[in-house]
PDB file of N, CA and C in Angstrom:
ATOM      1  N   UNK A   1      11.191  15.823  17.833  1.00  0.00           N
ATOM      2  CA  UNK A   1      11.701  14.571  17.302  1.00  0.00           C
ATOM      3  C   UNK A   1      11.511  14.546  15.792  1.00  0.00           C
ATOM      4  N   UNK A   2      12.434  13.914  15.107  1.00  0.00           N
ATOM      5  CA  UNK A   2      12.423  13.867  13.638  1.00  0.00           C
ATOM      6  C   UNK A   2      11.245  13.033  13.133  1.00  0.00           C
ATOM      7  N   UNK A   3      10.813  13.383  11.950  1.00  0.00           N
ATOM      8  CA  UNK A   3       9.735  12.654  11.297  1.00  0.00           C
ATOM      9  C   UNK A   3      10.302  11.385  10.671  1.00  0.00           C
ATOM     10  N   UNK A   4       9.974  10.234  11.219  1.00  0.00           N
ATOM     11  CA  UNK A   4      10.517   8.966  10.733  1.00  0.00           C
ATOM     12  C   UNK A   4       9.592   8.397   9.670  1.00  0.00           C
ATOM     13  N   UNK A   5      10.160   8.208   8.484  1.00  0.00           N
ATOM     14  CA  UNK A   5       9.358   7.720   7.357  1.00  0.00           C
ATOM     15  C   UNK A   5       9.786   6.334   6.892  1.00  0.00           C
ATOM     16  N   UNK A   6      10.782   5.757   7.514  1.00  0.00           N
ATOM     17  CA  UNK A   6      11.315   4.474   7.046  1.00  0.00           C
ATOM     18  C   UNK A   6      10.267   3.376   6.985  1.00  0.00           C
ATOM     19  N   UNK A   7       9.400   3.311   7.986  1.00  0.00           N
ATOM     20  CA  UNK A   7       8.376   2.265   7.989  1.00  0.00           C
ATOM     21  C   UNK A   7       7.413   2.440   6.817  1.00  0.00           C
ATOM     22  N   UNK A   8       7.078   3.684   6.502  1.00  0.00           N
ATOM     23  CA  UNK A   8       6.181   3.955   5.378  1.00  0.00           C
ATOM     24  C   UNK A   8       6.870   3.656   4.044  1.00  0.00           C
ATOM     25  N   UNK A   9       8.144   4.017   3.950  1.00  0.00           N
ATOM     26  CA  UNK A   9       8.903   3.746   2.725  1.00  0.00           C
ATOM     27  C   UNK A   9       8.999   2.239   2.504  1.00  0.00           C
ATOM     28  N   UNK A  10       9.295   1.494   3.561  1.00  0.00           N
ATOM     29  CA  UNK A  10       9.431   0.040   3.441  1.00  0.00           C
ATOM     30  C   UNK A  10       8.130  -0.590   2.950  1.00  0.00           C
ATOM     31  N   UNK A  11       7.021  -0.217   3.557  1.00  0.00           N
ATOM     32  CA  UNK A  11       5.728  -0.783   3.185  1.00  0.00           C
ATOM     33  C   UNK A  11       5.348  -0.419   1.752  1.00  0.00           C
ATOM     34  N   UNK A  12       5.465   0.839   1.408  1.00  0.00           N
ATOM     35  CA  UNK A  12       5.053   1.291   0.079  1.00  0.00           C
ATOM     36  C   UNK A  12       5.989   0.770  -1.008  1.00  0.00           C
ATOM     37  N   UNK A  13       7.284   0.735  -0.742  1.00  0.00           N
ATOM     38  CA  UNK A  13       8.234   0.210  -1.724  1.00  0.00           C
ATOM     39  C   UNK A  13       7.952  -1.256  -2.035  1.00  0.00           C
ATOM     40  N   UNK A  14       7.651  -2.020  -1.004  1.00  0.00           N
ATOM     41  CA  UNK A  14       7.341  -3.432  -1.211  1.00  0.00           C
ATOM     42  C   UNK A  14       6.079  -3.595  -2.063  1.00  0.00           C
ATOM     43  N   UNK A  15       5.076  -2.765  -1.809  1.00  0.00           N
ATOM     44  CA  UNK A  15       3.846  -2.828  -2.609  1.00  0.00           C
ATOM     45  C   UNK A  15       4.095  -2.420  -4.052  1.00  0.00           C
ATOM     46  N   UNK A  16       4.862  -1.372  -4.261  1.00  0.00           N
ATOM     47  CA  UNK A  16       5.158  -0.916  -5.620  1.00  0.00           C
ATOM     48  C   UNK A  16       6.056  -1.907  -6.357  1.00  0.00           C
ATOM     49  N   UNK A  17       6.869  -2.622  -5.634  1.00  0.00           N
ATOM     50  CA  UNK A  17       7.679  -3.678  -6.244  1.00  0.00           C
ATOM     51  C   UNK A  17       6.760  -4.747  -6.845  1.00  0.00           C
ATOM     52  N   UNK A  18       5.691  -5.071  -6.149  1.00  0.00           N
ATOM     53  CA  UNK A  18       4.701  -5.995  -6.688  1.00  0.00           C
ATOM     54  C   UNK A  18       4.060  -5.452  -7.953  1.00  0.00           C
ATOM     55  N   UNK A  19       3.783  -4.151  -7.984  1.00  0.00           N
ATOM     56  CA  UNK A  19       3.239  -3.506  -9.188  1.00  0.00           C
ATOM     57  C   UNK A  19       4.210  -3.667 -10.359  1.00  0.00           C
ATOM     58  N   UNK A  20       5.483  -3.431 -10.112  1.00  0.00           N
ATOM     59  CA  UNK A  20       6.486  -3.560 -11.178  1.00  0.00           C
ATOM     60  C   UNK A  20       6.563  -4.994 -11.699  1.00  0.00           C
ATOM     61  N   UNK A  21       6.470  -5.950 -10.804  1.00  0.00           N
ATOM     62  CA  UNK A  21       6.507  -7.347 -11.230  1.00  0.00           C
ATOM     63  C   UNK A  21       5.285  -7.696 -12.079  1.00  0.00           C
ATOM     64  N   UNK A  22       4.134  -7.130 -11.748  1.00  0.00           N
ATOM     65  CA  UNK A  22       2.935  -7.344 -12.563  1.00  0.00           C
ATOM     66  C   UNK A  22       3.121  -6.732 -13.947  1.00  0.00           C
ATOM     67  N   UNK A  23       3.699  -5.539 -14.008  1.00  0.00           N
ATOM     68  CA  UNK A  23       3.952  -4.884 -15.301  1.00  0.00           C
ATOM     69  C   UNK A  23       4.889  -5.739 -16.148  1.00  0.00           C
ATOM     70  N   UNK A  24       5.990  -6.205 -15.550  1.00  0.00           N
ATOM     71  CA  UNK A  24       6.942  -7.026 -16.306  1.00  0.00           C
ATOM     72  C   UNK A  24       6.303  -8.326 -16.776  1.00  0.00           C
ATOM     73  N   UNK A  25       5.508  -8.959 -15.912  1.00  0.00           N
ATOM     74  CA  UNK A  25       4.837 -10.203 -16.295  1.00  0.00           C
ATOM     75  C   UNK A  25       3.858  -9.967 -17.432  1.00  0.00           C
ATOM     76  N   UNK A  26       3.081  -8.897 -17.347  1.00  0.00           N
ATOM     77  CA  UNK A  26       2.103  -8.627 -18.413  1.00  0.00           C
ATOM     78  C   UNK A  26       2.791  -8.309 -19.733  1.00  0.00           C
ATOM     79  N   UNK A  27       3.945  -7.651 -19.682  1.00  0.00           N
ATOM     80  CA  UNK A  27       4.690  -7.378 -20.910  1.00  0.00           C
ATOM     81  C   UNK A  27       5.198  -8.667 -21.541  1.00  0.00           C
ATOM     82  N   UNK A  28       5.619  -9.597 -20.718  1.00  0.00           N
ATOM     83  CA  UNK A  28       6.098 -10.879 -21.244  1.00  0.00           C
ATOM     84  C   UNK A  28       4.950 -11.728 -21.772  1.00  0.00           C
ATOM     85  N   UNK A  29       3.806 -11.707 -21.095  1.00  0.00           N
ATOM     86  CA  UNK A  29       2.655 -12.499 -21.538  1.00  0.00           C
ATOM     87  C   UNK A  29       2.153 -11.999 -22.887  1.00  0.00           C
ATOM     88  N   UNK A  30       2.147 -10.683 -23.071  1.00  0.00           N
ATOM     89  CA  UNK A  30       1.635 -10.109 -24.331  1.00  0.00           C
ATOM     90  C   UNK A  30       2.707 -10.012 -25.405  1.00  0.00           C
ATOM     91  N   UNK A  31       3.895 -10.514 -25.119  1.00  0.00           N
ATOM     92  CA  UNK A  31       5.036 -10.477 -26.042  1.00  0.00           C
ATOM     93  C   UNK A  31       5.459  -9.061 -26.430  1.00  0.00           C
ATOM     94  N   UNK A  32       5.125  -8.066 -25.592  1.00  0.00           N
ATOM     95  CA  UNK A  32       5.564  -6.694 -25.852  1.00  0.00           C
ATOM     96  C   UNK A  32       6.974  -6.448 -25.323  1.00  0.00           C
ATOM     97  N   UNK A  33       7.484  -7.382 -24.534  1.00  0.00           N
ATOM     98  CA  UNK A  33       8.824  -7.206 -23.995  1.00  0.00           C
ATOM     99  C   UNK A  33       9.885  -7.322 -25.081  1.00  0.00           C
ATOM    100  N   UNK A  34       9.532  -7.977 -26.185  1.00  0.00           N
ATOM    101  CA  UNK A  34      10.489  -8.141 -27.282  1.00  0.00           C
ATOM    102  C   UNK A  34      10.551  -6.910 -28.185  1.00  0.00           C
ATOM    103  N   UNK A  35       9.490  -6.098 -28.170  1.00  0.00           N
ATOM    104  CA  UNK A  35       9.426  -4.949 -29.075  1.00  0.00           C
ATOM    105  C   UNK A  35       9.608  -3.612 -28.361  1.00  0.00           C
ATOM    106  N   UNK A  36       9.644  -3.619 -27.032  1.00  0.00           N
ATOM    107  CA  UNK A  36       9.824  -2.370 -26.288  1.00  0.00           C
ATOM    108  C   UNK A  36      10.943  -2.540 -25.259  1.00  0.00           C
ATOM    109  N   UNK A  37      11.337  -1.434 -24.688  1.00  0.00           N
ATOM    110  CA  UNK A  37      12.326  -1.449 -23.608  1.00  0.00           C
ATOM    111  C   UNK A  37      11.660  -1.227 -22.255  1.00  0.00           C
ATOM    112  N   UNK A  38      10.334  -1.335 -22.233  1.00  0.00           N
ATOM    113  CA  UNK A  38       9.589  -1.064 -21.006  1.00  0.00           C
ATOM    114  C   UNK A  38       9.932  -2.052 -19.897  1.00  0.00           C
ATOM    115  N   UNK A  39      10.165  -3.325 -20.218  1.00  0.00           N
ATOM    116  CA  UNK A  39      10.495  -4.291 -19.170  1.00  0.00           C
ATOM    117  C   UNK A  39      11.871  -4.022 -18.573  1.00  0.00           C
ATOM    118  N   UNK A  40      12.825  -3.581 -19.393  1.00  0.00           N
ATOM    119  CA  UNK A  40      14.138  -3.221 -18.844  1.00  0.00           C
ATOM    120  C   UNK A  40      14.027  -2.003 -17.936  1.00  0.00           C
ATOM    121  N   UNK A  41      13.227  -1.030 -18.363  1.00  0.00           N
ATOM    122  CA  UNK A  41      13.016   0.173 -17.556  1.00  0.00           C
ATOM    123  C   UNK A  41      12.325  -0.186 -16.233  1.00  0.00           C
ATOM    124  N   UNK A  42      11.355  -1.067 -16.302  1.00  0.00           N
ATOM    125  CA  UNK A  42      10.658  -1.509 -15.100  1.00  0.00           C
ATOM    126  C   UNK A  42      11.600  -2.288 -14.187  1.00  0.00           C
ATOM    127  N   UNK A  43      12.521  -3.034 -14.764  1.00  0.00           N
ATOM    128  CA  UNK A  43      13.510  -3.762 -13.962  1.00  0.00           C
ATOM    129  C   UNK A  43      14.408  -2.809 -13.188  1.00  0.00           C
ATOM    130  N   UNK A  44      14.807  -1.714 -13.818  1.00  0.00           N
ATOM    131  CA  UNK A  44      15.636  -0.714 -13.135  1.00  0.00           C
ATOM    132  C   UNK A  44      14.855  -0.093 -11.980  1.00  0.00           C
ATOM    133  N   UNK A  45      13.591   0.217 -12.219  1.00  0.00           N
ATOM    134  CA  UNK A  45      12.754   0.772 -11.155  1.00  0.00           C
ATOM    135  C   UNK A  45      12.626  -0.238 -10.014  1.00  0.00           C
ATOM    136  N   UNK A  46      12.492  -1.509 -10.361  1.00  0.00           N
ATOM    137  CA  UNK A  46      12.397  -2.554  -9.337  1.00  0.00           C
ATOM    138  C   UNK A  46      13.656  -2.597  -8.476  1.00  0.00           C
ATOM    139  N   UNK A  47      14.804  -2.414  -9.093  1.00  0.00           N
ATOM    140  CA  UNK A  47      16.059  -2.396  -8.333  1.00  0.00           C
ATOM    141  C   UNK A  47      16.078  -1.196  -7.372  1.00  0.00           C
ATOM    142  N   UNK A  48      15.625  -0.028  -7.834  1.00  0.00           N
ATOM    143  CA  UNK A  48      15.521   1.135  -6.940  1.00  0.00           C
ATOM    144  C   UNK A  48      14.616   0.819  -5.751  1.00  0.00           C
ATOM    145  N   UNK A  49      13.487   0.165  -6.015  1.00  0.00           N
ATOM    146  CA  UNK A  49      12.554  -0.161  -4.937  1.00  0.00           C
ATOM    147  C   UNK A  49      13.138  -1.191  -3.975  1.00  0.00           C
ATOM    148  N   UNK A  50      13.864  -2.179  -4.507  1.00  0.00           N
ATOM    149  CA  UNK A  50      14.480  -3.181  -3.638  1.00  0.00           C
ATOM    150  C   UNK A  50      15.502  -2.532  -2.710  1.00  0.00           C
ATOM    151  N   UNK A  51      16.347  -1.662  -3.267  1.00  0.00           N
ATOM    152  CA  UNK A  51      17.335  -0.991  -2.427  1.00  0.00           C
ATOM    153  C   UNK A  51      16.671  -0.007  -1.465  1.00  0.00           C
ATOM    154  N   UNK A  52      15.579   0.603  -1.878  1.00  0.00           N
ATOM    155  CA  UNK A  52      14.831   1.471  -0.982  1.00  0.00           C
ATOM    156  C   UNK A  52      14.296   0.666   0.200  1.00  0.00           C
ATOM    157  N   UNK A  53      13.763  -0.511  -0.065  1.00  0.00           N
ATOM    158  CA  UNK A  53      13.316  -1.405   1.012  1.00  0.00           C
ATOM    159  C   UNK A  53      14.474  -1.773   1.927  1.00  0.00           C
ATOM    160  N   UNK A  54      15.594  -2.112   1.315  1.00  0.00           N
ATOM    161  CA  UNK A  54      16.764  -2.538   2.080  1.00  0.00           C
ATOM    162  C   UNK A  54      17.258  -1.427   3.021  1.00  0.00           C
ATOM    163  N   UNK A  55      17.421  -0.209   2.483  1.00  0.00           N
ATOM    164  CA  UNK A  55      17.927   0.885   3.308  1.00  0.00           C
ATOM    165  C   UNK A  55      16.918   1.341   4.353  1.00  0.00           C
ATOM    166  N   UNK A  56      15.633   1.293   4.037  1.00  0.00           N
ATOM    167  CA  UNK A  56      14.641   1.671   5.041  1.00  0.00           C
ATOM    168  C   UNK A  56      14.585   0.619   6.150  1.00  0.00           C
ATOM    169  N   UNK A  57      14.734  -0.653   5.793  1.00  0.00           N
ATOM    170  CA  UNK A  57      14.779  -1.707   6.803  1.00  0.00           C
ATOM    171  C   UNK A  57      15.985  -1.516   7.726  1.00  0.00           C
ATOM    172  N   UNK A  58      17.153  -1.248   7.124  1.00  0.00           N
ATOM    173  CA  UNK A  58      18.343  -1.006   7.946  1.00  0.00           C
ATOM    174  C   UNK A  58      18.171   0.213   8.839  1.00  0.00           C
ATOM    175  N   UNK A  59      17.495   1.224   8.325  1.00  0.00           N
ATOM    176  CA  UNK A  59      17.243   2.425   9.114  1.00  0.00           C
ATOM    177  C   UNK A  59      16.377   2.118  10.334  1.00  0.00           C
ATOM    178  N   UNK A  60      15.398   1.256  10.148  1.00  0.00           N
ATOM    179  CA  UNK A  60      14.524   0.881  11.258  1.00  0.00           C
ATOM    180  C   UNK A  60      15.295   0.089  12.305  1.00  0.00           C
ATOM    181  N   UNK A  61      16.209  -0.760  11.862  1.00  0.00           N
ATOM    182  CA  UNK A  61      16.908  -1.681  12.760  1.00  0.00           C
ATOM    183  C   UNK A  61      18.142  -1.094  13.439  1.00  0.00           C
ATOM    184  N   UNK A  62      18.676   0.000  12.911  1.00  0.00           N
ATOM    185  CA  UNK A  62      19.910   0.540  13.494  1.00  0.00           C
ATOM    186  C   UNK A  62      19.638   1.254  14.816  1.00  0.00           C
ATOM    187  N   UNK A  63      20.651   1.280  15.653  1.00  0.00           N
ATOM    188  CA  UNK A  63      20.538   1.924  16.958  1.00  0.00           C
ATOM    189  C   UNK A  63      21.072   3.356  16.906  1.00  0.00           C
ATOM    190  N   UNK A  64      22.097   3.576  16.082  1.00  0.00           N
ATOM    191  CA  UNK A  64      22.719   4.900  15.993  1.00  0.00           C
ATOM    192  C   UNK A  64      21.795   5.864  15.248  1.00  0.00           C
ATOM    193  N   UNK A  65      21.486   6.974  15.888  1.00  0.00           N
ATOM    194  CA  UNK A  65      20.544   7.925  15.298  1.00  0.00           C
ATOM    195  C   UNK A  65      21.100   8.595  14.048  1.00  0.00           C
ATOM    196  N   UNK A  66      22.408   8.905  14.028  1.00  0.00           N
ATOM    197  CA  UNK A  66      22.997   9.549  12.842  1.00  0.00           C
ATOM    198  C   UNK A  66      22.981   8.600  11.639  1.00  0.00           C
ATOM    199  N   UNK A  67      23.273   7.330  11.879  1.00  0.00           N
ATOM    200  CA  UNK A  67      23.236   6.338  10.801  1.00  0.00           C
ATOM    201  C   UNK A  67      21.800   6.111  10.334  1.00  0.00           C
ATOM    202  N   UNK A  68      20.886   6.128  11.275  1.00  0.00           N
ATOM    203  CA  UNK A  68      19.467   5.961  10.938  1.00  0.00           C
ATOM    204  C   UNK A  68      19.008   7.048   9.970  1.00  0.00           C
ATOM    205  N   UNK A  69      19.384   8.288  10.239  1.00  0.00           N
ATOM    206  CA  UNK A  69      18.991   9.401   9.366  1.00  0.00           C
ATOM    207  C   UNK A  69      19.605   9.269   7.978  1.00  0.00           C
ATOM    208  N   UNK A  70      20.879   8.853   7.909  1.00  0.00           N
ATOM    209  CA  UNK A  70      21.538   8.678   6.612  1.00  0.00           C
ATOM    210  C   UNK A  70      20.863   7.579   5.797  1.00  0.00           C
ATOM    211  N   UNK A  71      20.597   6.452   6.437  1.00  0.00           N
ATOM    212  CA  UNK A  71      19.952   5.339   5.737  1.00  0.00           C
ATOM    213  C   UNK A  71      18.550   5.706   5.284  1.00  0.00           C
ATOM    214  N   UNK A  72      17.833   6.433   6.138  1.00  0.00           N
ATOM    215  CA  UNK A  72      16.484   6.860   5.786  1.00  0.00           C
ATOM    216  C   UNK A  72      16.499   7.839   4.614  1.00  0.00           C
ATOM    217  N   UNK A  73      17.489   8.710   4.576  1.00  0.00           N
ATOM    218  CA  UNK A  73      17.624   9.655   3.459  1.00  0.00           C
ATOM    219  C   UNK A  73      17.913   8.926   2.153  1.00  0.00           C
ATOM    220  N   UNK A  74      18.803   7.940   2.209  1.00  0.00           N
ATOM    221  CA  UNK A  74      19.106   7.147   1.010  1.00  0.00           C
ATOM    222  C   UNK A  74      17.844   6.439   0.525  1.00  0.00           C
ATOM    223  N   UNK A  75      17.116   5.815   1.451  1.00  0.00           N
ATOM    224  CA  UNK A  75      15.877   5.116   1.100  1.00  0.00           C
ATOM    225  C   UNK A  75      14.871   6.086   0.493  1.00  0.00           C
ATOM    226  N   UNK A  76      14.800   7.274   1.039  1.00  0.00           N
ATOM    227  CA  UNK A  76      13.857   8.289   0.562  1.00  0.00           C
ATOM    228  C   UNK A  76      14.174   8.713  -0.872  1.00  0.00           C
ATOM    229  N   UNK A  77      15.450   8.955  -1.162  1.00  0.00           N
ATOM    230  CA  UNK A  77      15.845   9.350  -2.522  1.00  0.00           C
ATOM    231  C   UNK A  77      15.609   8.228  -3.534  1.00  0.00           C
ATOM    232  N   UNK A  78      15.943   7.003  -3.156  1.00  0.00           N
ATOM    233  CA  UNK A  78      15.702   5.869  -4.050  1.00  0.00           C
ATOM    234  C   UNK A  78      14.210   5.691  -4.314  1.00  0.00           C
ATOM    235  N   UNK A  79      13.408   5.868  -3.272  1.00  0.00           N
ATOM    236  CA  UNK A  79      11.968   5.758  -3.406  1.00  0.00           C
ATOM    237  C   UNK A  79      11.427   6.850  -4.342  1.00  0.00           C
ATOM    238  N   UNK A  80      11.941   8.065  -4.192  1.00  0.00           N
ATOM    239  CA  UNK A  80      11.515   9.164  -5.062  1.00  0.00           C
ATOM    240  C   UNK A  80      11.860   8.904  -6.525  1.00  0.00           C
ATOM    241  N   UNK A  81      13.062   8.392  -6.784  1.00  0.00           N
ATOM    242  CA  UNK A  81      13.446   8.069  -8.164  1.00  0.00           C
ATOM    243  C   UNK A  81      12.555   6.968  -8.732  1.00  0.00           C
ATOM    244  N   UNK A  82      12.225   5.985  -7.906  1.00  0.00           N
ATOM    245  CA  UNK A  82      11.344   4.911  -8.358  1.00  0.00           C
ATOM    246  C   UNK A  82       9.952   5.447  -8.673  1.00  0.00           C
ATOM    247  N   UNK A  83       9.456   6.371  -7.859  1.00  0.00           N
ATOM    248  CA  UNK A  83       8.143   6.967  -8.128  1.00  0.00           C
ATOM    249  C   UNK A  83       8.131   7.719  -9.459  1.00  0.00           C
ATOM    250  N   UNK A  84       9.193   8.436  -9.733  1.00  0.00           N
ATOM    251  CA  UNK A  84       9.276   9.122 -11.025  1.00  0.00           C
ATOM    252  C   UNK A  84       9.277   8.118 -12.177  1.00  0.00           C
ATOM    253  N   UNK A  85       9.990   7.034 -12.002  1.00  0.00           N
ATOM    254  CA  UNK A  85      10.007   5.997 -13.024  1.00  0.00           C
ATOM    255  C   UNK A  85       8.643   5.365 -13.231  1.00  0.00           C
ATOM    256  N   UNK A  86       7.927   5.121 -12.138  1.00  0.00           N
ATOM    257  CA  UNK A  86       6.582   4.566 -12.244  1.00  0.00           C
ATOM    258  C   UNK A  86       5.647   5.549 -12.934  1.00  0.00           C
ATOM    259  N   UNK A  87       5.826   6.833 -12.665  1.00  0.00           N
ATOM    260  CA  UNK A  87       5.040   7.854 -13.356  1.00  0.00           C
ATOM    261  C   UNK A  87       5.247   7.769 -14.863  1.00  0.00           C
ATOM    262  N   UNK A  88       6.494   7.600 -15.286  1.00  0.00           N
ATOM    263  CA  UNK A  88       6.794   7.472 -16.716  1.00  0.00           C
ATOM    264  C   UNK A  88       6.108   6.234 -17.293  1.00  0.00           C
ATOM    265  N   UNK A  89       6.165   5.115 -16.583  1.00  0.00           N
ATOM    266  CA  UNK A  89       5.515   3.888 -17.057  1.00  0.00           C
ATOM    267  C   UNK A  89       4.014   4.102 -17.203  1.00  0.00           C
ATOM    268  N   UNK A  90       3.404   4.719 -16.204  1.00  0.00           N
ATOM    269  CA  UNK A  90       1.958   4.936 -16.242  1.00  0.00           C
ATOM    270  C   UNK A  90       1.584   5.862 -17.399  1.00  0.00           C
ATOM    271  N   UNK A  91       2.357   6.915 -17.602  1.00  0.00           N
ATOM    272  CA  UNK A  91       2.071   7.847 -18.702  1.00  0.00           C
ATOM    273  C   UNK A  91       2.218   7.139 -20.049  1.00  0.00           C
ATOM    274  N   UNK A  92       3.295   6.397 -20.222  1.00  0.00           N
ATOM    275  CA  UNK A  92       3.495   5.666 -21.475  1.00  0.00           C
ATOM    276  C   UNK A  92       2.374   4.656 -21.722  1.00  0.00           C
ATOM    277  N   UNK A  93       1.950   3.979 -20.662  1.00  0.00           N
ATOM    278  CA  UNK A  93       0.892   2.988 -20.807  1.00  0.00           C
ATOM    279  C   UNK A  93      -0.459   3.662 -21.067  1.00  0.00           C
ATOM    280  N   UNK A  94      -0.752   4.721 -20.326  1.00  0.00           N
ATOM    281  CA  UNK A  94      -2.032   5.409 -20.480  1.00  0.00           C
ATOM    282  C   UNK A  94      -2.175   6.054 -21.864  1.00  0.00           C
ATOM    283  N   UNK A  95      -1.096   6.583 -22.380  1.00  0.00           N
ATOM    284  CA  UNK A  95      -1.137   7.231 -23.680  1.00  0.00           C
ATOM    285  C   UNK A  95      -0.866   6.246 -24.815  1.00  0.00           C
ATOM    286  N   UNK A  96      -0.713   4.980 -24.443  1.00  0.00           N
ATOM    287  CA  UNK A  96      -0.461   3.914 -25.411  1.00  0.00           C
ATOM    288  C   UNK A  96       0.740   4.231 -26.295  1.00  0.00           C
ATOM    289  N   UNK A  97       1.816   4.671 -25.658  1.00  0.00           N
ATOM    290  CA  UNK A  97       3.035   5.019 -26.386  1.00  0.00           C
ATOM    291  C   UNK A  97       3.958   3.829 -26.579  1.00  0.00           C
ATOM    292  N   UNK A  98       3.629   2.690 -25.958  1.00  0.00           N
ATOM    293  CA  UNK A  98       4.414   1.492 -26.224  1.00  0.00           C
ATOM    294  C   UNK A  98       3.753   0.752 -27.355  1.00  0.00           C
ATOM    295  N   UNK A  99       4.543   0.336 -28.300  1.00  0.00           N
ATOM    296  CA  UNK A  99       3.992  -0.300 -29.513  1.00  0.00           C
ATOM    297  C   UNK A  99       3.527  -1.703 -29.256  1.00  0.00           C
TER     298      UNK A  99
END
């Protein structure tokens, strides 16, 4: 039987979406959102995570196995792109590359 990851993607994407919202809020509170593009970048990552949640949820709910695999693959790729984006945010923040 295939390795089903949709439930894990849904849970983790939702948690990371909360992380992105905290990053955007902290940028606005410190007024760094006006001098950097980090909040826009974080917003794009948030959209990837939202769609990853959406496709993984649909994958869990669908009855057709072929459609389930396609939806799970889409969710997986979106989740991977979001993880790369979060890595960039963490590196920029850790190295204090945002002004």
